[in-house]
Amino acid sequence: MVIGVMGRRMDRGIAAARGMIWGAASCLRRMAAAALIGGALMAAPASAAGTPADGAGLVDQLGHPVTTQSFAGKPSLVFFGFANCPSICPTALAEIADRMADLGPLADRLNVIFISADPERDTPEVLKDYLASFDARIVGVTGSLAEIGAIAKAVGAEFHKVPLAGGGYTIDHSGNAFLLDRNWKRTGLLIIGQGADPARATAKLKTLIGE
């Protein structure tokens, strides 16, 4: 009887030990997987950071090569969007065009740049047709995803592709415009859409220009 009880206790001990070993191994596997995933996520920005932040290789809506240096000497208003955007981008561009009209001749002292967050579809020709509905002084910029990603990271913008249930994709992107000084350094944001104050936005642009 004693031997039987001891045997059962030993069996339970062995089973418990096996469970602990399996649990530890499972935990290690999860930790290893997490490390791999985390490493991949950590590596993505490093790749973007390795891309020249001056935008070498970008083109405007006329197909002309441009870099951030192309806009040096004047402050800039930069908006990230895409031609297939159903509502946010057209609204934003219309508001920006209105603010340019409010500025009058001062608008000529400001770069207004629409950078595509969907360069896969936004060719120079597509941007040219799309921007024709707005102020002619707005410059459209497209290029490789890596090049645009580097520019976005430099100014603090965010965008990413979102698959659609019926196929295809859309783009989630920052909804406000970025204000940059003559050296392409971010100085602030221009609120677009809900919460926007036209008079305050125009005053902000005048301050950026130096008036």
N, C-alpha and C. Protein backbone atom coordinates (compact mmCIF):
# COMPACT_ATOMS: atom_id res chain seq x y z
N MET A 1 0.83 -1.21 0.00
CA MET A 1 0.00 0.00 0.00
C MET A 1 0.86 1.25 0.00
N VAL A 2 1.86 1.28 0.90
CA VAL A 2 2.75 2.44 0.98
C VAL A 2 3.47 2.65 -0.33
N ILE A 3 3.93 1.53 -0.91
CA ILE A 3 4.64 1.61 -2.18
C ILE A 3 3.73 2.18 -3.26
N GLY A 4 2.45 1.73 -3.26
CA GLY A 4 1.50 2.22 -4.25
C GLY A 4 1.27 3.71 -4.13
N VAL A 5 1.12 4.19 -2.88
CA VAL A 5 0.91 5.62 -2.65
C VAL A 5 2.11 6.41 -3.11
N MET A 6 3.30 5.90 -2.71
CA MET A 6 4.53 6.59 -3.11
C MET A 6 4.67 6.61 -4.63
N GLY A 7 4.27 5.50 -5.27
CA GLY A 7 4.38 5.44 -6.73
C GLY A 7 3.48 6.46 -7.39
N ARG A 8 2.25 6.60 -6.83
CA ARG A 8 1.34 7.58 -7.41
C ARG A 8 1.86 8.99 -7.22
N ARG A 9 2.44 9.26 -6.03
CA ARG A 9 3.00 10.59 -5.77
C ARG A 9 4.16 10.88 -6.74
N MET A 10 4.99 9.84 -6.97
CA MET A 10 6.11 10.03 -7.90
C MET A 10 5.59 10.31 -9.31
N ASP A 11 4.51 9.57 -9.71
CA ASP A 11 3.94 9.80 -11.04
C ASP A 11 3.43 11.23 -11.18
N ARG A 12 2.74 11.69 -10.08
CA ARG A 12 2.23 13.06 -10.13
C ARG A 12 3.37 14.06 -10.18
N GLY A 13 4.44 13.78 -9.44
CA GLY A 13 5.61 14.69 -9.44
C GLY A 13 6.26 14.77 -10.80
N ILE A 14 6.39 13.57 -11.44
CA ILE A 14 6.99 13.54 -12.77
C ILE A 14 6.12 14.31 -13.76
N ALA A 15 4.78 14.12 -13.66
CA ALA A 15 3.86 14.81 -14.56
C ALA A 15 3.94 16.31 -14.36
N ALA A 16 4.02 16.71 -13.07
CA ALA A 16 4.11 18.14 -12.77
C ALA A 16 5.40 18.73 -13.33
N ALA A 17 6.49 17.97 -13.19
CA ALA A 17 7.78 18.43 -13.69
C ALA A 17 7.74 18.58 -15.20
N ARG A 18 7.12 17.56 -15.86
CA ARG A 18 6.99 17.64 -17.31
C ARG A 18 6.18 18.87 -17.71
N GLY A 19 5.10 19.14 -16.94
CA GLY A 19 4.27 20.31 -17.23
C GLY A 19 5.05 21.60 -17.09
N MET A 20 5.89 21.68 -16.05
CA MET A 20 6.70 22.88 -15.86
C MET A 20 7.69 23.07 -17.00
N ILE A 21 8.29 21.92 -17.41
CA ILE A 21 9.27 21.99 -18.51
C ILE A 21 8.58 22.43 -19.80
N TRP A 22 7.38 21.83 -20.07
CA TRP A 22 6.64 22.20 -21.28
C TRP A 22 6.23 23.66 -21.24
N GLY A 23 5.77 24.11 -20.06
CA GLY A 23 5.35 25.50 -19.92
C GLY A 23 6.50 26.45 -20.13
N ALA A 24 7.67 26.09 -19.57
CA ALA A 24 8.84 26.95 -19.74
C ALA A 24 9.25 27.01 -21.20
N ALA A 25 9.20 25.85 -21.87
CA ALA A 25 9.57 25.81 -23.28
C ALA A 25 8.60 26.63 -24.12
N SER A 26 7.30 26.51 -23.77
CA SER A 26 6.29 27.28 -24.49
C SER A 26 6.51 28.76 -24.30
N CYS A 27 6.82 29.14 -23.07
CA CYS A 27 7.09 30.55 -22.76
C CYS A 27 8.29 31.05 -23.56
N LEU A 28 9.34 30.20 -23.63
CA LEU A 28 10.53 30.60 -24.38
C LEU A 28 10.21 30.75 -25.87
N ARG A 29 9.35 29.84 -26.38
CA ARG A 29 8.97 29.94 -27.78
C ARG A 29 8.22 31.24 -28.05
N ARG A 30 7.30 31.60 -27.11
CA ARG A 30 6.56 32.84 -27.27
C ARG A 30 7.48 34.05 -27.19
N MET A 31 8.43 33.98 -26.25
CA MET A 31 9.38 35.08 -26.12
C MET A 31 10.23 35.23 -27.37
N ALA A 32 10.64 34.08 -27.93
CA ALA A 32 11.46 34.12 -29.14
C ALA A 32 10.67 34.70 -30.30
N ALA A 33 9.39 34.27 -30.41
CA ALA A 33 8.54 34.80 -31.48
C ALA A 33 8.33 36.29 -31.32
N ALA A 34 8.09 36.71 -30.06
CA ALA A 34 7.90 38.14 -29.80
C ALA A 34 9.15 38.92 -30.15
N ALA A 35 10.29 38.34 -29.84
CA ALA A 35 11.55 39.03 -30.13
C ALA A 35 11.72 39.19 -31.63
N LEU A 36 11.34 38.13 -32.40
CA LEU A 36 11.46 38.22 -33.85
C LEU A 36 10.52 39.28 -34.40
N ILE A 37 9.25 39.29 -33.91
CA ILE A 37 8.29 40.28 -34.36
C ILE A 37 8.75 41.67 -33.98
N GLY A 38 9.15 41.82 -32.72
CA GLY A 38 9.62 43.12 -32.25
C GLY A 38 10.82 43.58 -33.03
N GLY A 39 11.73 42.63 -33.34
CA GLY A 39 12.90 42.99 -34.12
C GLY A 39 12.53 43.48 -35.49
N ALA A 40 11.51 42.82 -36.10
CA ALA A 40 11.08 43.25 -37.42
C ALA A 40 10.48 44.64 -37.35
N LEU A 41 9.65 44.89 -36.32
CA LEU A 41 9.05 46.21 -36.19
C LEU A 41 10.09 47.26 -35.90
N MET A 42 11.09 46.90 -35.12
CA MET A 42 12.14 47.86 -34.80
C MET A 42 13.00 48.13 -36.04
N ALA A 43 13.12 47.11 -36.92
CA ALA A 43 14.00 47.27 -38.07
C ALA A 43 13.39 48.15 -39.15
N ALA A 44 12.05 48.22 -39.21
CA ALA A 44 11.40 48.98 -40.27
C ALA A 44 11.79 50.45 -40.27
N PRO A 45 11.71 51.15 -39.11
CA PRO A 45 12.12 52.55 -39.13
C PRO A 45 13.59 52.73 -39.50
N ALA A 46 14.42 51.76 -39.12
CA ALA A 46 15.85 51.87 -39.43
C ALA A 46 16.05 51.91 -40.94
N SER A 47 15.23 51.12 -41.67
CA SER A 47 15.33 51.12 -43.12
C SER A 47 14.95 52.49 -43.68
N ALA A 48 13.83 53.03 -43.14
CA ALA A 48 13.41 54.35 -43.60
C ALA A 48 14.45 55.40 -43.27
N ALA A 49 15.05 55.25 -42.08
CA ALA A 49 16.03 56.23 -41.66
C ALA A 49 17.26 56.21 -42.55
N GLY A 50 17.52 55.05 -43.19
CA GLY A 50 18.68 54.94 -44.04
C GLY A 50 18.46 55.56 -45.42
N THR A 51 17.21 55.96 -45.70
CA THR A 51 16.92 56.59 -46.98
C THR A 51 17.23 58.07 -46.90
N PRO A 52 17.86 58.66 -47.92
CA PRO A 52 18.17 60.09 -47.86
C PRO A 52 16.93 60.91 -47.59
N ALA A 53 16.96 61.73 -46.53
CA ALA A 53 15.79 62.51 -46.14
C ALA A 53 15.62 63.76 -47.00
N ASP A 54 16.49 63.96 -47.97
CA ASP A 54 16.31 65.13 -48.82
C ASP A 54 15.38 64.84 -49.98
N GLY A 55 14.89 63.58 -50.07
CA GLY A 55 13.93 63.23 -51.10
C GLY A 55 14.55 63.05 -52.48
N ALA A 56 15.82 62.71 -52.55
CA ALA A 56 16.46 62.48 -53.85
C ALA A 56 15.69 61.41 -54.61
N GLY A 57 15.34 61.69 -55.86
CA GLY A 57 14.61 60.72 -56.67
C GLY A 57 13.12 61.01 -56.77
N LEU A 58 12.64 62.04 -56.08
CA LEU A 58 11.24 62.42 -56.18
C LEU A 58 11.02 63.25 -57.45
N VAL A 59 9.76 63.29 -57.90
CA VAL A 59 9.41 64.11 -59.06
C VAL A 59 8.13 64.88 -58.76
N ASP A 60 7.95 66.00 -59.46
CA ASP A 60 6.71 66.75 -59.29
C ASP A 60 5.67 66.28 -60.31
N GLN A 61 4.52 66.96 -60.35
CA GLN A 61 3.43 66.49 -61.22
C GLN A 61 3.72 66.70 -62.71
N LEU A 62 4.80 67.41 -63.01
CA LEU A 62 5.22 67.57 -64.39
C LEU A 62 6.34 66.60 -64.77
N GLY A 63 6.74 65.77 -63.81
CA GLY A 63 7.81 64.81 -64.05
C GLY A 63 9.19 65.36 -63.82
N HIS A 64 9.29 66.58 -63.30
CA HIS A 64 10.60 67.18 -63.05
C HIS A 64 11.18 66.67 -61.74
N PRO A 65 12.45 66.33 -61.69
CA PRO A 65 13.06 65.87 -60.43
C PRO A 65 13.02 66.99 -59.38
N VAL A 66 12.71 66.62 -58.15
CA VAL A 66 12.71 67.58 -57.05
C VAL A 66 13.31 66.92 -55.80
N THR A 67 13.85 67.73 -54.93
CA THR A 67 14.27 67.30 -53.60
C THR A 67 13.80 68.36 -52.63
N THR A 68 14.02 68.15 -51.35
CA THR A 68 13.65 69.17 -50.38
C THR A 68 14.43 70.46 -50.65
N GLN A 69 15.62 70.33 -51.24
CA GLN A 69 16.41 71.51 -51.55
C GLN A 69 15.77 72.35 -52.66
N SER A 70 14.89 71.72 -53.44
CA SER A 70 14.19 72.46 -54.48
C SER A 70 13.29 73.53 -53.88
N PHE A 71 12.92 73.33 -52.61
CA PHE A 71 12.00 74.25 -51.95
C PHE A 71 12.70 75.14 -50.92
N ALA A 72 14.03 75.10 -50.92
CA ALA A 72 14.79 75.91 -49.98
C ALA A 72 14.62 77.39 -50.31
N GLY A 73 14.71 78.22 -49.28
CA GLY A 73 14.61 79.66 -49.48
C GLY A 73 13.25 80.22 -49.15
N LYS A 74 12.24 79.34 -49.14
CA LYS A 74 10.89 79.76 -48.75
C LYS A 74 10.33 78.77 -47.74
N PRO A 75 9.51 79.22 -46.80
CA PRO A 75 8.85 78.28 -45.90
C PRO A 75 7.86 77.43 -46.70
N SER A 76 7.45 76.31 -46.11
CA SER A 76 6.59 75.38 -46.84
C SER A 76 5.40 74.92 -46.01
N LEU A 77 4.30 74.72 -46.70
CA LEU A 77 3.14 74.02 -46.15
C LEU A 77 3.09 72.68 -46.87
N VAL A 78 3.12 71.59 -46.12
CA VAL A 78 3.18 70.25 -46.72
C VAL A 78 1.99 69.43 -46.24
N PHE A 79 1.29 68.82 -47.20
CA PHE A 79 0.17 67.94 -46.87
C PHE A 79 0.40 66.59 -47.55
N PHE A 80 0.23 65.50 -46.79
CA PHE A 80 0.35 64.15 -47.33
C PHE A 80 -1.05 63.61 -47.62
N GLY A 81 -1.26 63.15 -48.84
CA GLY A 81 -2.56 62.60 -49.21
C GLY A 81 -2.44 61.72 -50.44
N PHE A 82 -3.56 61.47 -51.11
CA PHE A 82 -3.51 60.64 -52.32
C PHE A 82 -4.71 60.94 -53.20
N ALA A 83 -4.53 60.75 -54.48
CA ALA A 83 -5.53 61.17 -55.46
C ALA A 83 -6.85 60.41 -55.34
N ASN A 84 -6.82 59.18 -54.84
CA ASN A 84 -8.04 58.39 -54.69
C ASN A 84 -8.74 58.65 -53.37
N CYS A 85 -8.25 59.59 -52.60
CA CYS A 85 -8.86 59.92 -51.30
C CYS A 85 -10.29 60.44 -51.53
N PRO A 86 -11.29 59.84 -50.88
CA PRO A 86 -12.68 60.20 -51.18
C PRO A 86 -13.13 61.56 -50.65
N SER A 87 -12.60 62.01 -49.52
CA SER A 87 -13.13 63.25 -48.95
C SER A 87 -12.10 64.12 -48.25
N ILE A 88 -11.23 63.53 -47.43
CA ILE A 88 -10.31 64.33 -46.62
C ILE A 88 -9.39 65.17 -47.49
N CYS A 89 -8.79 64.56 -48.50
CA CYS A 89 -7.81 65.29 -49.33
C CYS A 89 -8.45 66.40 -50.16
N PRO A 90 -9.57 66.15 -50.84
CA PRO A 90 -10.20 67.26 -51.58
C PRO A 90 -10.60 68.42 -50.67
N THR A 91 -11.12 68.07 -49.49
CA THR A 91 -11.50 69.12 -48.53
C THR A 91 -10.28 69.90 -48.07
N ALA A 92 -9.21 69.17 -47.75
CA ALA A 92 -7.98 69.81 -47.28
C ALA A 92 -7.40 70.72 -48.35
N LEU A 93 -7.33 70.24 -49.58
CA LEU A 93 -6.76 71.04 -50.66
C LEU A 93 -7.61 72.27 -50.96
N ALA A 94 -8.94 72.12 -50.86
CA ALA A 94 -9.82 73.27 -51.05
C ALA A 94 -9.59 74.32 -49.96
N GLU A 95 -9.44 73.85 -48.71
CA GLU A 95 -9.17 74.77 -47.60
C GLU A 95 -7.82 75.45 -47.77
N ILE A 96 -6.83 74.69 -48.17
CA ILE A 96 -5.49 75.26 -48.38
C ILE A 96 -5.54 76.31 -49.49
N ALA A 97 -6.26 76.01 -50.58
CA ALA A 97 -6.40 76.97 -51.67
C ALA A 97 -7.10 78.24 -51.19
N ASP A 98 -8.08 78.09 -50.31
CA ASP A 98 -8.77 79.25 -49.74
C ASP A 98 -7.82 80.10 -48.91
N ARG A 99 -6.97 79.45 -48.12
CA ARG A 99 -6.01 80.20 -47.31
C ARG A 99 -4.99 80.91 -48.20
N MET A 100 -4.63 80.28 -49.32
CA MET A 100 -3.72 80.93 -50.26
C MET A 100 -4.38 82.18 -50.84
N ALA A 101 -5.67 82.07 -51.13
CA ALA A 101 -6.40 83.23 -51.64
C ALA A 101 -6.46 84.33 -50.59
N ASP A 102 -6.64 83.94 -49.32
CA ASP A 102 -6.66 84.92 -48.23
C ASP A 102 -5.33 85.65 -48.11
N LEU A 103 -4.25 84.94 -48.38
CA LEU A 103 -2.92 85.54 -48.27
C LEU A 103 -2.65 86.54 -49.39
N GLY A 104 -3.32 86.37 -50.51
CA GLY A 104 -3.07 87.26 -51.64
C GLY A 104 -1.67 87.06 -52.19
N PRO A 105 -0.98 88.15 -52.52
CA PRO A 105 0.38 88.04 -53.08
C PRO A 105 1.37 87.35 -52.14
N LEU A 106 1.09 87.36 -50.84
CA LEU A 106 2.00 86.71 -49.88
C LEU A 106 2.11 85.22 -50.14
N ALA A 107 1.10 84.63 -50.75
CA ALA A 107 1.12 83.18 -51.02
C ALA A 107 2.26 82.80 -51.94
N ASP A 108 2.75 83.76 -52.74
CA ASP A 108 3.87 83.47 -53.64
C ASP A 108 5.17 83.28 -52.87
N ARG A 109 5.17 83.65 -51.60
CA ARG A 109 6.36 83.49 -50.76
C ARG A 109 6.30 82.22 -49.92
N LEU A 110 5.38 81.33 -50.29
CA LEU A 110 5.19 80.08 -49.56
C LEU A 110 5.14 78.91 -50.52
N ASN A 111 5.91 77.85 -50.24
CA ASN A 111 5.77 76.59 -50.98
C ASN A 111 4.56 75.84 -50.44
N VAL A 112 3.68 75.42 -51.33
CA VAL A 112 2.56 74.58 -50.92
C VAL A 112 2.71 73.26 -51.66
N ILE A 113 2.90 72.19 -50.89
CA ILE A 113 3.32 70.91 -51.47
C ILE A 113 2.37 69.79 -51.06
N PHE A 114 1.86 69.07 -52.05
CA PHE A 114 1.03 67.90 -51.81
C PHE A 114 1.88 66.67 -52.11
N ILE A 115 2.25 65.92 -51.07
CA ILE A 115 3.10 64.74 -51.24
C ILE A 115 2.22 63.49 -51.23
N SER A 116 2.35 62.68 -52.25
CA SER A 116 1.52 61.48 -52.35
C SER A 116 1.90 60.45 -51.30
N ALA A 117 0.88 59.96 -50.59
CA ALA A 117 1.06 58.85 -49.66
C ALA A 117 0.73 57.53 -50.35
N ASP A 118 0.48 57.61 -51.66
CA ASP A 118 0.14 56.43 -52.46
C ASP A 118 0.89 56.47 -53.79
N PRO A 119 2.22 56.48 -53.72
CA PRO A 119 3.00 56.60 -54.96
C PRO A 119 2.81 55.44 -55.92
N GLU A 120 2.30 54.32 -55.43
CA GLU A 120 2.05 53.17 -56.30
C GLU A 120 1.05 53.52 -57.40
N ARG A 121 0.06 54.35 -57.04
CA ARG A 121 -0.96 54.73 -58.02
C ARG A 121 -0.82 56.18 -58.49
N ASP A 122 -0.22 57.01 -57.65
CA ASP A 122 -0.13 58.44 -57.98
C ASP A 122 1.11 58.74 -58.83
N THR A 123 0.96 58.55 -60.11
CA THR A 123 2.02 58.92 -61.05
C THR A 123 2.00 60.44 -61.23
N PRO A 124 3.03 61.01 -61.83
CA PRO A 124 2.99 62.46 -62.09
C PRO A 124 1.75 62.87 -62.89
N GLU A 125 1.37 62.06 -63.86
CA GLU A 125 0.20 62.39 -64.68
C GLU A 125 -1.08 62.41 -63.84
N VAL A 126 -1.21 61.44 -62.94
CA VAL A 126 -2.38 61.38 -62.06
C VAL A 126 -2.43 62.61 -61.16
N LEU A 127 -1.29 62.97 -60.58
CA LEU A 127 -1.25 64.15 -59.71
C LEU A 127 -1.55 65.42 -60.48
N LYS A 128 -1.04 65.51 -61.70
CA LYS A 128 -1.29 66.71 -62.51
C LYS A 128 -2.79 66.90 -62.74
N ASP A 129 -3.47 65.82 -63.13
CA ASP A 129 -4.92 65.90 -63.36
C ASP A 129 -5.66 66.21 -62.06
N TYR A 130 -5.23 65.60 -60.98
CA TYR A 130 -5.92 65.76 -59.70
C TYR A 130 -5.78 67.19 -59.17
N LEU A 131 -4.59 67.73 -59.22
CA LEU A 131 -4.33 69.05 -58.64
C LEU A 131 -4.84 70.18 -59.53
N ALA A 132 -5.23 69.87 -60.76
CA ALA A 132 -5.74 70.91 -61.67
C ALA A 132 -7.01 71.56 -61.14
N SER A 133 -7.68 70.90 -60.21
CA SER A 133 -8.92 71.43 -59.64
C SER A 133 -8.68 72.45 -58.53
N PHE A 134 -7.41 72.63 -58.15
CA PHE A 134 -7.10 73.50 -57.02
C PHE A 134 -6.16 74.62 -57.47
N ASP A 135 -5.57 75.32 -56.53
CA ASP A 135 -4.67 76.42 -56.86
C ASP A 135 -3.48 75.91 -57.68
N ALA A 136 -3.18 76.61 -58.77
CA ALA A 136 -2.13 76.17 -59.70
C ALA A 136 -0.75 76.19 -59.07
N ARG A 137 -0.61 76.89 -57.94
CA ARG A 137 0.71 76.98 -57.30
C ARG A 137 1.01 75.78 -56.40
N ILE A 138 0.04 74.90 -56.19
CA ILE A 138 0.27 73.71 -55.37
C ILE A 138 1.12 72.72 -56.16
N VAL A 139 2.22 72.29 -55.57
CA VAL A 139 3.14 71.36 -56.23
C VAL A 139 2.85 69.94 -55.75
N GLY A 140 2.62 69.03 -56.67
CA GLY A 140 2.44 67.62 -56.32
C GLY A 140 3.76 66.90 -56.39
N VAL A 141 3.99 66.01 -55.43
CA VAL A 141 5.26 65.28 -55.38
C VAL A 141 4.98 63.78 -55.21
N THR A 142 5.66 62.97 -55.99
CA THR A 142 5.55 61.52 -55.86
C THR A 142 6.93 60.90 -56.07
N GLY A 143 7.03 59.59 -55.88
CA GLY A 143 8.32 58.90 -55.98
C GLY A 143 8.19 57.52 -55.37
N SER A 144 9.28 56.96 -54.89
CA SER A 144 9.21 55.64 -54.28
C SER A 144 8.67 55.76 -52.86
N LEU A 145 8.11 54.65 -52.38
CA LEU A 145 7.55 54.62 -51.03
C LEU A 145 8.64 54.89 -49.99
N ALA A 146 9.84 54.38 -50.22
CA ALA A 146 10.94 54.59 -49.27
C ALA A 146 11.31 56.06 -49.19
N GLU A 147 11.37 56.71 -50.35
CA GLU A 147 11.75 58.13 -50.38
C GLU A 147 10.71 58.99 -49.68
N ILE A 148 9.44 58.71 -49.97
CA ILE A 148 8.36 59.49 -49.36
C ILE A 148 8.27 59.18 -47.86
N GLY A 149 8.51 57.91 -47.50
CA GLY A 149 8.51 57.55 -46.09
C GLY A 149 9.57 58.28 -45.30
N ALA A 150 10.72 58.50 -45.91
CA ALA A 150 11.79 59.23 -45.24
C ALA A 150 11.41 60.67 -45.00
N ILE A 151 10.76 61.30 -45.99
CA ILE A 151 10.30 62.68 -45.84
C ILE A 151 9.24 62.76 -44.75
N ALA A 152 8.29 61.80 -44.77
CA ALA A 152 7.23 61.79 -43.76
C ALA A 152 7.82 61.67 -42.36
N LYS A 153 8.78 60.78 -42.20
CA LYS A 153 9.39 60.59 -40.90
C LYS A 153 10.10 61.86 -40.43
N ALA A 154 10.72 62.56 -41.37
CA ALA A 154 11.47 63.77 -41.02
C ALA A 154 10.56 64.87 -40.49
N VAL A 155 9.32 64.95 -40.99
CA VAL A 155 8.42 66.01 -40.55
C VAL A 155 7.40 65.54 -39.51
N GLY A 156 7.36 64.22 -39.26
CA GLY A 156 6.44 63.69 -38.25
C GLY A 156 5.10 63.25 -38.79
N ALA A 157 5.00 63.05 -40.11
CA ALA A 157 3.75 62.59 -40.71
C ALA A 157 3.65 61.07 -40.65
N GLU A 158 2.43 60.57 -40.72
CA GLU A 158 2.19 59.12 -40.71
C GLU A 158 1.21 58.75 -41.81
N PHE A 159 1.45 57.60 -42.43
CA PHE A 159 0.48 57.06 -43.39
C PHE A 159 0.75 55.56 -43.54
N HIS A 160 -0.29 54.80 -43.86
CA HIS A 160 -0.11 53.38 -44.13
C HIS A 160 -1.27 52.86 -44.97
N LYS A 161 -0.99 51.79 -45.69
CA LYS A 161 -1.96 51.17 -46.58
C LYS A 161 -2.93 50.31 -45.76
N VAL A 162 -4.22 50.39 -46.10
CA VAL A 162 -5.26 49.62 -45.41
C VAL A 162 -6.04 48.81 -46.45
N PRO A 163 -5.96 47.46 -46.40
CA PRO A 163 -6.71 46.64 -47.35
C PRO A 163 -8.22 46.83 -47.17
N LEU A 164 -8.96 46.79 -48.29
CA LEU A 164 -10.41 46.89 -48.25
C LEU A 164 -11.05 45.52 -48.38
N ALA A 165 -12.19 45.34 -47.75
CA ALA A 165 -12.85 44.04 -47.73
C ALA A 165 -13.17 43.53 -49.13
N GLY A 166 -13.56 44.41 -50.02
CA GLY A 166 -13.91 43.99 -51.37
C GLY A 166 -12.75 43.94 -52.33
N GLY A 167 -11.54 44.09 -51.82
CA GLY A 167 -10.35 44.12 -52.66
C GLY A 167 -9.81 45.54 -52.79
N GLY A 168 -8.59 45.66 -53.19
CA GLY A 168 -7.96 46.97 -53.30
C GLY A 168 -7.53 47.48 -51.94
N TYR A 169 -7.28 48.76 -51.86
CA TYR A 169 -6.81 49.34 -50.61
C TYR A 169 -7.09 50.83 -50.57
N THR A 170 -7.02 51.38 -49.37
CA THR A 170 -7.06 52.83 -49.19
C THR A 170 -5.84 53.21 -48.36
N ILE A 171 -5.71 54.49 -48.05
CA ILE A 171 -4.56 54.97 -47.29
C ILE A 171 -5.05 55.77 -46.08
N ASP A 172 -4.60 55.37 -44.90
CA ASP A 172 -4.79 56.18 -43.71
C ASP A 172 -3.61 57.14 -43.61
N HIS A 173 -3.89 58.42 -43.38
CA HIS A 173 -2.78 59.38 -43.35
C HIS A 173 -3.10 60.54 -42.42
N SER A 174 -2.07 61.28 -42.09
CA SER A 174 -2.22 62.47 -41.25
C SER A 174 -3.20 63.43 -41.92
N GLY A 175 -4.09 64.02 -41.12
CA GLY A 175 -5.13 64.87 -41.68
C GLY A 175 -4.81 66.35 -41.67
N ASN A 176 -3.74 66.74 -41.02
CA ASN A 176 -3.38 68.16 -40.95
C ASN A 176 -2.16 68.45 -41.83
N ALA A 177 -1.91 69.72 -42.07
CA ALA A 177 -0.77 70.13 -42.87
C ALA A 177 0.40 70.46 -41.96
N PHE A 178 1.60 70.25 -42.47
CA PHE A 178 2.82 70.49 -41.70
C PHE A 178 3.47 71.79 -42.18
N LEU A 179 3.87 72.60 -41.22
CA LEU A 179 4.50 73.87 -41.52
C LEU A 179 6.00 73.76 -41.31
N LEU A 180 6.77 74.11 -42.33
CA LEU A 180 8.23 73.97 -42.30
C LEU A 180 8.89 75.32 -42.60
N ASP A 181 10.00 75.56 -41.94
CA ASP A 181 10.71 76.81 -42.19
C ASP A 181 11.55 76.71 -43.47
N ARG A 182 12.35 77.72 -43.73
CA ARG A 182 13.13 77.77 -44.97
C ARG A 182 14.20 76.69 -45.04
N ASN A 183 14.52 76.10 -43.90
CA ASN A 183 15.52 75.03 -43.84
C ASN A 183 14.87 73.64 -43.74
N TRP A 184 13.57 73.59 -44.04
CA TRP A 184 12.82 72.33 -44.03
C TRP A 184 12.73 71.72 -42.62
N LYS A 185 12.70 72.58 -41.62
CA LYS A 185 12.50 72.14 -40.23
C LYS A 185 11.06 72.43 -39.84
N ARG A 186 10.42 71.43 -39.23
CA ARG A 186 9.02 71.60 -38.85
C ARG A 186 8.87 72.64 -37.75
N THR A 187 7.91 73.55 -37.94
CA THR A 187 7.66 74.59 -36.94
C THR A 187 6.27 74.47 -36.32
N GLY A 188 5.39 73.69 -36.95
CA GLY A 188 4.05 73.55 -36.39
C GLY A 188 3.11 72.83 -37.34
N LEU A 189 1.81 72.87 -37.00
CA LEU A 189 0.77 72.24 -37.79
C LEU A 189 -0.27 73.27 -38.20
N LEU A 190 -0.90 73.02 -39.32
CA LEU A 190 -2.06 73.80 -39.72
C LEU A 190 -3.27 72.88 -39.65
N ILE A 191 -4.21 73.20 -38.77
CA ILE A 191 -5.40 72.36 -38.59
C ILE A 191 -6.26 72.43 -39.84
N ILE A 192 -6.66 71.25 -40.32
CA ILE A 192 -7.50 71.14 -41.51
C ILE A 192 -8.81 70.46 -41.12
N GLY A 193 -9.93 70.93 -41.72
CA GLY A 193 -11.20 70.27 -41.48
C GLY A 193 -11.83 70.69 -40.17
N GLN A 194 -12.38 69.71 -39.45
CA GLN A 194 -13.07 70.00 -38.20
C GLN A 194 -12.14 70.70 -37.21
N GLY A 195 -12.60 71.80 -36.66
CA GLY A 195 -11.79 72.54 -35.69
C GLY A 195 -10.93 73.62 -36.32
N ALA A 196 -10.93 73.70 -37.65
CA ALA A 196 -10.11 74.70 -38.33
C ALA A 196 -10.73 76.09 -38.18
N ASP A 197 -9.88 77.07 -37.97
CA ASP A 197 -10.29 78.47 -37.87
C ASP A 197 -9.61 79.22 -39.02
N PRO A 198 -10.35 79.59 -40.07
CA PRO A 198 -9.74 80.22 -41.24
C PRO A 198 -8.90 81.45 -40.91
N ALA A 199 -9.41 82.33 -40.06
CA ALA A 199 -8.67 83.55 -39.74
C ALA A 199 -7.38 83.22 -39.01
N ARG A 200 -7.47 82.29 -38.06
CA ARG A 200 -6.29 81.90 -37.31
C ARG A 200 -5.28 81.20 -38.21
N ALA A 201 -5.77 80.37 -39.14
CA ALA A 201 -4.88 79.66 -40.05
C ALA A 201 -4.14 80.65 -40.95
N THR A 202 -4.86 81.65 -41.46
CA THR A 202 -4.21 82.65 -42.32
C THR A 202 -3.16 83.43 -41.54
N ALA A 203 -3.48 83.76 -40.28
CA ALA A 203 -2.52 84.49 -39.45
C ALA A 203 -1.29 83.63 -39.19
N LYS A 204 -1.49 82.34 -39.01
CA LYS A 204 -0.39 81.43 -38.76
C LYS A 204 0.53 81.35 -39.98
N LEU A 205 -0.07 81.35 -41.15
CA LEU A 205 0.72 81.29 -42.38
C LEU A 205 1.51 82.60 -42.59
N LYS A 206 0.88 83.71 -42.23
CA LYS A 206 1.59 84.99 -42.32
C LYS A 206 2.81 85.02 -41.40
N THR A 207 2.63 84.44 -40.22
CA THR A 207 3.76 84.37 -39.28
C THR A 207 4.87 83.49 -39.85
N LEU A 208 4.48 82.36 -40.46
CA LEU A 208 5.45 81.46 -41.07
C LEU A 208 6.23 82.18 -42.18
N ILE A 209 5.50 82.94 -42.97
CA ILE A 209 6.13 83.66 -44.09
C ILE A 209 7.05 84.77 -43.58
N GLY A 210 6.68 85.31 -42.43
CA GLY A 210 7.51 86.37 -41.87
C GLY A 210 6.85 87.73 -41.90
N GLU A 211 5.52 87.73 -42.04
CA GLU A 211 4.77 88.99 -42.07
C GLU A 211 4.04 89.22 -40.76
